[in-house]
C-alpha atoms as a PDB file:
ATOM      1  CA  UNK A   1     127.541  90.035  94.946  1.00  0.00           C
ATOM      2  CA  UNK A   2     130.738  91.837  95.258  1.00  0.00           C
ATOM      3  CA  UNK A   3     133.593  90.284  97.235  1.00  0.00           C
ATOM      4  CA  UNK A   4     134.062  93.505  99.247  1.00  0.00           C
ATOM      5  CA  UNK A   5     130.318  93.539 100.512  1.00  0.00           C
ATOM      6  CA  UNK A   6     129.772  92.635 104.190  1.00  0.00           C
ATOM      7  CA  UNK A   7     127.803  89.509 104.415  1.00  0.00           C
ATOM      8  CA  UNK A   8     124.832  89.472 106.770  1.00  0.00           C
ATOM      9  CA  UNK A   9     123.783  86.197 108.413  1.00  0.00           C
ATOM     10  CA  UNK A  10     120.065  85.410 108.237  1.00  0.00           C
ATOM     11  CA  UNK A  11     118.131  82.467 109.415  1.00  0.00           C
ATOM     12  CA  UNK A  12     115.361  81.130 107.212  1.00  0.00           C
ATOM     13  CA  UNK A  13     112.844  78.232 108.094  1.00  0.00           C
ATOM     14  CA  UNK A  14     111.872  76.244 104.918  1.00  0.00           C
ATOM     15  CA  UNK A  15     109.200  73.702 104.547  1.00  0.00           C
ATOM     16  CA  UNK A  16     110.724  70.254 104.239  1.00  0.00           C
ATOM     17  CA  UNK A  17     109.858  69.833 100.532  1.00  0.00           C
ATOM     18  CA  UNK A  18     111.389  73.119  99.746  1.00  0.00           C
ATOM     19  CA  UNK A  19     114.586  72.224 101.686  1.00  0.00           C
ATOM     20  CA  UNK A  20     114.949  68.837  99.738  1.00  0.00           C
ATOM     21  CA  UNK A  21     114.573  70.782  96.519  1.00  0.00           C
ATOM     22  CA  UNK A  22     117.369  73.332  97.633  1.00  0.00           C
ATOM     23  CA  UNK A  23     119.553  70.533  98.575  1.00  0.00           C
ATOM     24  CA  UNK A  24     118.956  68.671  95.332  1.00  0.00           C
ATOM     25  CA  UNK A  25     119.776  71.769  93.292  1.00  0.00           C
ATOM     26  CA  UNK A  26     123.017  72.300  95.404  1.00  0.00           C
ATOM     27  CA  UNK A  27     124.107  68.708  94.887  1.00  0.00           C
ATOM     28  CA  UNK A  28     123.320  68.717  91.082  1.00  0.00           C
ATOM     29  CA  UNK A  29     125.251  72.008  90.679  1.00  0.00           C
ATOM     30  CA  UNK A  30     127.950  71.087  93.027  1.00  0.00           C
ATOM     31  CA  UNK A  31     127.501  73.971  95.355  1.00  0.00           C
ATOM     32  CA  UNK A  32     126.364  74.815  98.669  1.00  0.00           C
ATOM     33  CA  UNK A  33     122.669  75.030  99.609  1.00  0.00           C
ATOM     34  CA  UNK A  34     123.421  78.570 100.891  1.00  0.00           C
ATOM     35  CA  UNK A  35     124.785  79.569  97.485  1.00  0.00           C
ATOM     36  CA  UNK A  36     121.574  78.134  95.815  1.00  0.00           C
ATOM     37  CA  UNK A  37     119.304  80.164  98.267  1.00  0.00           C
ATOM     38  CA  UNK A  38     121.374  83.249  97.532  1.00  0.00           C
ATOM     39  CA  UNK A  39     120.913  82.815  93.792  1.00  0.00           C
ATOM     40  CA  UNK A  40     117.235  82.035  94.201  1.00  0.00           C
ATOM     41  CA  UNK A  41     116.639  85.172  96.334  1.00  0.00           C
ATOM     42  CA  UNK A  42     118.537  87.353  93.789  1.00  0.00           C
ATOM     43  CA  UNK A  43     116.683  85.874  90.897  1.00  0.00           C
ATOM     44  CA  UNK A  44     113.385  86.438  92.591  1.00  0.00           C
ATOM     45  CA  UNK A  45     114.300  90.090  93.587  1.00  0.00           C
ATOM     46  CA  UNK A  46     115.228  90.724  89.880  1.00  0.00           C
ATOM     47  CA  UNK A  47     111.888  89.112  88.678  1.00  0.00           C
ATOM     48  CA  UNK A  48     109.945  91.342  91.013  1.00  0.00           C
ATOM     49  CA  UNK A  49     111.846  94.429  89.719  1.00  0.00           C
ATOM     50  CA  UNK A  50     111.075  93.381  86.083  1.00  0.00           C
ATOM     51  CA  UNK A  51     107.358  92.887  86.924  1.00  0.00           C
ATOM     52  CA  UNK A  52     107.212  96.287  88.566  1.00  0.00           C
ATOM     53  CA  UNK A  53     108.962  97.917  85.529  1.00  0.00           C
ATOM     54  CA  UNK A  54     106.559  96.066  83.107  1.00  0.00           C
ATOM     55  CA  UNK A  55     103.572  97.265  85.171  1.00  0.00           C
ATOM     56  CA  UNK A  56     104.718 100.869  85.179  1.00  0.00           C
ATOM     57  CA  UNK A  57     105.358 100.655  81.347  1.00  0.00           C
ATOM     58  CA  UNK A  58     101.675  99.369  80.832  1.00  0.00           C
ATOM     59  CA  UNK A  59     100.324 102.240  83.084  1.00  0.00           C
ATOM     60  CA  UNK A  60     102.239 104.753  81.074  1.00  0.00           C
ATOM     61  CA  UNK A  61     101.034 103.408  77.906  1.00  0.00           C
ATOM     62  CA  UNK A  62      97.394 103.288  79.174  1.00  0.00           C
ATOM     63  CA  UNK A  63      97.766 107.041  80.230  1.00  0.00           C
ATOM     64  CA  UNK A  64      99.103 107.984  76.803  1.00  0.00           C
ATOM     65  CA  UNK A  65      96.959 106.016  74.413  1.00  0.00           C
ATOM     66  CA  UNK A  66      93.847 107.609  72.822  1.00  0.00           C
ATOM     67  CA  UNK A  67      92.667 104.271  71.366  1.00  0.00           C
ATOM     68  CA  UNK A  68      89.605 102.878  73.404  1.00  0.00           C
ATOM     69  CA  UNK A  69      90.491  99.273  72.436  1.00  0.00           C
ATOM     70  CA  UNK A  70      94.050  99.616  73.382  1.00  0.00           C
ATOM     71  CA  UNK A  71      92.891 101.209  76.736  1.00  0.00           C
ATOM     72  CA  UNK A  72      90.585  98.325  77.463  1.00  0.00           C
ATOM     73  CA  UNK A  73      93.295  95.776  76.625  1.00  0.00           C
ATOM     74  CA  UNK A  74      95.852  97.565  78.894  1.00  0.00           C
ATOM     75  CA  UNK A  75      93.348  97.896  81.787  1.00  0.00           C
ATOM     76  CA  UNK A  76      92.633  94.135  81.613  1.00  0.00           C
ATOM     77  CA  UNK A  77      96.326  93.338  81.655  1.00  0.00           C
ATOM     78  CA  UNK A  78      97.054  95.587  84.610  1.00  0.00           C
ATOM     79  CA  UNK A  79      94.091  94.123  86.391  1.00  0.00           C
ATOM     80  CA  UNK A  80      95.495  90.592  85.754  1.00  0.00           C
ATOM     81  CA  UNK A  81      98.874  91.654  87.037  1.00  0.00           C
ATOM     82  CA  UNK A  82      97.375  93.209  90.105  1.00  0.00           C
ATOM     83  CA  UNK A  83      94.734  90.696  91.138  1.00  0.00           C
ATOM     84  CA  UNK A  84      95.562  87.546  89.127  1.00  0.00           C
ATOM     85  CA  UNK A  85      93.451  85.581  86.735  1.00  0.00           C
END
C-alpha cells in the first residue's frame, strides 16, 4: 500500500476464535492487529487473482489441446476448481 493512498476506514466483525488468532499473529510479529488484517486481506486477494489466472490458463489449454486424454484431465481439474472435491 502506497503511503500517498487515502485510507478508508472499515468495520469488520470477526468470530472470537479468528480475533484471537489475529491478535496472536500481531503480538508475535510485533505489529498491530489492523496491520495483520490488511496483510491477510491483501494476500487473500492475491491468492484469488492467482487462482483465477490459473483457471483461465487451464481453460485456454483445454480449448487448444487436440489430445482427448489431456482434455479429460483438464475438464476434471476445472471441475474440481469450480465445484470442489
